Amino acid sequence: MLTLVLIDHVVGREDVVGSGATERALENWFGPLSAAGFASQIYGIANVLL
């Protein structure tokens, strides 16, 4: 569910602070990411940290 919310409300939006920098950082590490891939990476990081 969180992945779907991230895709709809965070990925690709310019007004979300830090999303562009986070996406670039993850793409440097994992290579090009689709919207679903970026949201999945954020979800995975949140699971590890929380």
PDB file of N, CA and C in Angstrom:
ATOM      1  N   MET A   1       0.825  -1.189   0.000  1.00  0.00           N
ATOM      2  CA  MET A   1       0.000   0.000   0.000  1.00  0.00           C
ATOM      3  C   MET A   1       0.869   1.254   0.000  1.00  0.00           C
ATOM      4  N   LEU A   2       1.922   1.253   0.816  1.00  0.00           N
ATOM      5  CA  LEU A   2       2.800   2.419   0.868  1.00  0.00           C
ATOM      6  C   LEU A   2       3.442   2.680  -0.485  1.00  0.00           C
ATOM      7  N   THR A   3       3.798   1.639  -1.194  1.00  0.00           N
ATOM      8  CA  THR A   3       4.412   1.801  -2.511  1.00  0.00           C
ATOM      9  C   THR A   3       3.464   2.515  -3.463  1.00  0.00           C
ATOM     10  N   LEU A   4       2.198   2.171  -3.444  1.00  0.00           N
ATOM     11  CA  LEU A   4       1.217   2.832  -4.314  1.00  0.00           C
ATOM     12  C   LEU A   4       1.041   4.296  -3.944  1.00  0.00           C
ATOM     13  N   VAL A   5       1.023   4.596  -2.660  1.00  0.00           N
ATOM     14  CA  VAL A   5       0.908   5.992  -2.212  1.00  0.00           C
ATOM     15  C   VAL A   5       2.135   6.781  -2.652  1.00  0.00           C
ATOM     16  N   LEU A   6       3.324   6.195  -2.528  1.00  0.00           N
ATOM     17  CA  LEU A   6       4.544   6.870  -2.960  1.00  0.00           C
ATOM     18  C   LEU A   6       4.507   7.169  -4.448  1.00  0.00           C
ATOM     19  N   ILE A   7       4.052   6.210  -5.244  1.00  0.00           N
ATOM     20  CA  ILE A   7       3.981   6.419  -6.691  1.00  0.00           C
ATOM     21  C   ILE A   7       3.031   7.562  -7.014  1.00  0.00           C
ATOM     22  N   ASP A   8       1.887   7.624  -6.347  1.00  0.00           N
ATOM     23  CA  ASP A   8       0.888   8.648  -6.645  1.00  0.00           C
ATOM     24  C   ASP A   8       1.257  10.024  -6.115  1.00  0.00           C
ATOM     25  N   HIS A   9       1.897  10.110  -4.959  1.00  0.00           N
ATOM     26  CA  HIS A   9       2.057  11.401  -4.299  1.00  0.00           C
ATOM     27  C   HIS A   9       3.483  11.912  -4.178  1.00  0.00           C
ATOM     28  N   VAL A  10       4.488  11.108  -4.459  1.00  0.00           N
ATOM     29  CA  VAL A  10       5.872  11.551  -4.278  1.00  0.00           C
ATOM     30  C   VAL A  10       6.677  11.495  -5.563  1.00  0.00           C
ATOM     31  N   VAL A  11       6.626  10.370  -6.243  1.00  0.00           N
ATOM     32  CA  VAL A  11       7.483  10.136  -7.406  1.00  0.00           C
ATOM     33  C   VAL A  11       7.095  11.078  -8.545  1.00  0.00           C
ATOM     34  N   GLY A  12       8.101  11.785  -9.071  1.00  0.00           N
ATOM     35  CA  GLY A  12       7.881  12.649 -10.220  1.00  0.00           C
ATOM     36  C   GLY A  12       7.320  14.023  -9.909  1.00  0.00           C
ATOM     37  N   ARG A  13       7.106  14.341  -8.658  1.00  0.00           N
ATOM     38  CA  ARG A  13       6.581  15.659  -8.299  1.00  0.00           C
ATOM     39  C   ARG A  13       7.730  16.562  -7.894  1.00  0.00           C
ATOM     40  N   GLU A  14       7.710  17.769  -8.398  1.00  0.00           N
ATOM     41  CA  GLU A  14       8.778  18.723  -8.117  1.00  0.00           C
ATOM     42  C   GLU A  14       8.598  19.422  -6.778  1.00  0.00           C
ATOM     43  N   ASP A  15       7.390  19.441  -6.233  1.00  0.00           N
ATOM     44  CA  ASP A  15       7.141  20.177  -4.991  1.00  0.00           C
ATOM     45  C   ASP A  15       7.422  19.374  -3.723  1.00  0.00           C
ATOM     46  N   VAL A  16       7.826  18.116  -3.849  1.00  0.00           N
ATOM     47  CA  VAL A  16       8.169  17.293  -2.694  1.00  0.00           C
ATOM     48  C   VAL A  16       9.662  17.474  -2.417  1.00  0.00           C
ATOM     49  N   VAL A  17       9.977  18.080  -1.291  1.00  0.00           N
ATOM     50  CA  VAL A  17      11.357  18.408  -0.954  1.00  0.00           C
ATOM     51  C   VAL A  17      12.176  17.128  -0.784  1.00  0.00           C
ATOM     52  N   GLY A  18      13.288  17.049  -1.499  1.00  0.00           N
ATOM     53  CA  GLY A  18      14.208  15.933  -1.358  1.00  0.00           C
ATOM     54  C   GLY A  18      13.942  14.743  -2.247  1.00  0.00           C
ATOM     55  N   SER A  19      12.813  14.705  -2.929  1.00  0.00           N
ATOM     56  CA  SER A  19      12.531  13.522  -3.745  1.00  0.00           C
ATOM     57  C   SER A  19      13.472  13.427  -4.945  1.00  0.00           C
ATOM     58  N   GLY A  20      13.798  14.555  -5.549  1.00  0.00           N
ATOM     59  CA  GLY A  20      14.708  14.534  -6.690  1.00  0.00           C
ATOM     60  C   GLY A  20      16.107  14.097  -6.296  1.00  0.00           C
ATOM     61  N   ALA A  21      16.603  14.643  -5.188  1.00  0.00           N
ATOM     62  CA  ALA A  21      17.938  14.271  -4.710  1.00  0.00           C
ATOM     63  C   ALA A  21      17.983  12.809  -4.291  1.00  0.00           C
ATOM     64  N   THR A  22      16.933  12.348  -3.652  1.00  0.00           N
ATOM     65  CA  THR A  22      16.867  10.946  -3.237  1.00  0.00           C
ATOM     66  C   THR A  22      16.835  10.028  -4.452  1.00  0.00           C
ATOM     67  N   GLU A  23      16.061  10.411  -5.454  1.00  0.00           N
ATOM     68  CA  GLU A  23      15.976   9.587  -6.664  1.00  0.00           C
ATOM     69  C   GLU A  23      17.337   9.533  -7.363  1.00  0.00           C
ATOM     70  N   ARG A  24      18.024  10.667  -7.478  1.00  0.00           N
ATOM     71  CA  ARG A  24      19.342  10.674  -8.111  1.00  0.00           C
ATOM     72  C   ARG A  24      20.338   9.819  -7.330  1.00  0.00           C
ATOM     73  N   ALA A  25      20.297   9.905  -6.000  1.00  0.00           N
ATOM     74  CA  ALA A  25      21.209   9.107  -5.178  1.00  0.00           C
ATOM     75  C   ALA A  25      20.955   7.614  -5.362  1.00  0.00           C
ATOM     76  N   LEU A  26      19.694   7.221  -5.373  1.00  0.00           N
ATOM     77  CA  LEU A  26      19.375   5.808  -5.561  1.00  0.00           C
ATOM     78  C   LEU A  26      19.719   5.336  -6.969  1.00  0.00           C
ATOM     79  N   GLU A  27      19.534   6.207  -7.965  1.00  0.00           N
ATOM     80  CA  GLU A  27      19.886   5.827  -9.334  1.00  0.00           C
ATOM     81  C   GLU A  27      21.400   5.697  -9.494  1.00  0.00           C
ATOM     82  N   ASN A  28      22.176   6.485  -8.755  1.00  0.00           N
ATOM     83  CA  ASN A  28      23.632   6.323  -8.788  1.00  0.00           C
ATOM     84  C   ASN A  28      24.032   4.970  -8.220  1.00  0.00           C
ATOM     85  N   TRP A  29      23.297   4.488  -7.256  1.00  0.00           N
ATOM     86  CA  TRP A  29      23.612   3.219  -6.601  1.00  0.00           C
ATOM     87  C   TRP A  29      23.075   2.015  -7.380  1.00  0.00           C
ATOM     88  N   PHE A  30      21.807   2.097  -7.834  1.00  0.00           N
ATOM     89  CA  PHE A  30      21.138   0.946  -8.446  1.00  0.00           C
ATOM     90  C   PHE A  30      20.965   1.038  -9.953  1.00  0.00           C
ATOM     91  N   GLY A  31      21.241   2.176 -10.549  1.00  0.00           N
ATOM     92  CA  GLY A  31      21.001   2.366 -11.975  1.00  0.00           C
ATOM     93  C   GLY A  31      19.632   2.993 -12.193  1.00  0.00           C
ATOM     94  N   PRO A  32      19.232   3.158 -13.455  1.00  0.00           N
ATOM     95  CA  PRO A  32      17.950   3.794 -13.753  1.00  0.00           C
ATOM     96  C   PRO A  32      16.786   3.075 -13.075  1.00  0.00           C
ATOM     97  N   LEU A  33      15.881   3.873 -12.485  1.00  0.00           N
ATOM     98  CA  LEU A  33      14.726   3.318 -11.777  1.00  0.00           C
ATOM     99  C   LEU A  33      13.436   3.826 -12.397  1.00  0.00           C
ATOM    100  N   SER A  34      12.467   2.957 -12.519  1.00  0.00           N
ATOM    101  CA  SER A  34      11.124   3.375 -12.905  1.00  0.00           C
ATOM    102  C   SER A  34      10.448   3.976 -11.676  1.00  0.00           C
ATOM    103  N   ALA A  35       9.253   4.497 -11.844  1.00  0.00           N
ATOM    104  CA  ALA A  35       8.518   5.053 -10.707  1.00  0.00           C
ATOM    105  C   ALA A  35       8.255   3.974  -9.664  1.00  0.00           C
ATOM    106  N   ALA A  36       7.879   2.801 -10.107  1.00  0.00           N
ATOM    107  CA  ALA A  36       7.624   1.696  -9.172  1.00  0.00           C
ATOM    108  C   ALA A  36       8.914   1.235  -8.507  1.00  0.00           C
ATOM    109  N   GLY A  37      10.005   1.232  -9.254  1.00  0.00           N
ATOM    110  CA  GLY A  37      11.291   0.840  -8.686  1.00  0.00           C
ATOM    111  C   GLY A  37      11.773   1.817  -7.632  1.00  0.00           C
ATOM    112  N   PHE A  38      11.613   3.110  -7.898  1.00  0.00           N
ATOM    113  CA  PHE A  38      11.996   4.143  -6.930  1.00  0.00           C
ATOM    114  C   PHE A  38      11.151   4.022  -5.663  1.00  0.00           C
ATOM    115  N   ALA A  39       9.854   3.853  -5.825  1.00  0.00           N
ATOM    116  CA  ALA A  39       8.968   3.702  -4.674  1.00  0.00           C
ATOM    117  C   ALA A  39       9.312   2.434  -3.890  1.00  0.00           C
ATOM    118  N   SER A  40       9.661   1.376  -4.578  1.00  0.00           N
ATOM    119  CA  SER A  40      10.033   0.132  -3.899  1.00  0.00           C
ATOM    120  C   SER A  40      11.324   0.288  -3.106  1.00  0.00           C
ATOM    121  N   GLN A  41      12.275   1.031  -3.647  1.00  0.00           N
ATOM    122  CA  GLN A  41      13.514   1.278  -2.920  1.00  0.00           C
ATOM    123  C   GLN A  41      13.253   2.081  -1.645  1.00  0.00           C
ATOM    124  N   ILE A  42      12.407   3.102  -1.736  1.00  0.00           N
ATOM    125  CA  ILE A  42      12.057   3.891  -0.549  1.00  0.00           C
ATOM    126  C   ILE A  42      11.361   3.007   0.483  1.00  0.00           C
ATOM    127  N   TYR A  43      10.452   2.170   0.027  1.00  0.00           N
ATOM    128  CA  TYR A  43       9.752   1.249   0.920  1.00  0.00           C
ATOM    129  C   TYR A  43      10.739   0.311   1.617  1.00  0.00           C
ATOM    130  N   GLY A  44      11.677  -0.225   0.861  1.00  0.00           N
ATOM    131  CA  GLY A  44      12.681  -1.126   1.439  1.00  0.00           C
ATOM    132  C   GLY A  44      13.552  -0.427   2.466  1.00  0.00           C
ATOM    133  N   ILE A  45      13.967   0.789   2.181  1.00  0.00           N
ATOM    134  CA  ILE A  45      14.778   1.558   3.137  1.00  0.00           C
ATOM    135  C   ILE A  45      13.979   1.849   4.392  1.00  0.00           C
ATOM    136  N   ALA A  46      12.711   2.193   4.245  1.00  0.00           N
ATOM    137  CA  ALA A  46      11.872   2.458   5.414  1.00  0.00           C
ATOM    138  C   ALA A  46      11.717   1.210   6.271  1.00  0.00           C
ATOM    139  N   ASN A  47      11.605   0.043   5.651  1.00  0.00           N
ATOM    140  CA  ASN A  47      11.489  -1.201   6.414  1.00  0.00           C
ATOM    141  C   ASN A  47      12.750  -1.511   7.187  1.00  0.00           C
ATOM    142  N   VAL A  48      13.901  -1.219   6.633  1.00  0.00           N
ATOM    143  CA  VAL A  48      15.162  -1.481   7.310  1.00  0.00           C
ATOM    144  C   VAL A  48      15.337  -0.514   8.477  1.00  0.00           C
ATOM    145  N   LEU A  49      14.993   0.754   8.279  1.00  0.00           N
ATOM    146  CA  LEU A  49      15.215   1.765   9.298  1.00  0.00           C
ATOM    147  C   LEU A  49      14.184   1.727  10.419  1.00  0.00           C
ATOM    148  N   LEU A  50      12.985   1.307  10.104  1.00  0.00           N
ATOM    149  CA  LEU A  50      11.940   1.300  11.121  1.00  0.00           C
ATOM    150  C   LEU A  50      11.804  -0.078  11.627  1.00  0.00           C
TER     151      LEU A  50
END
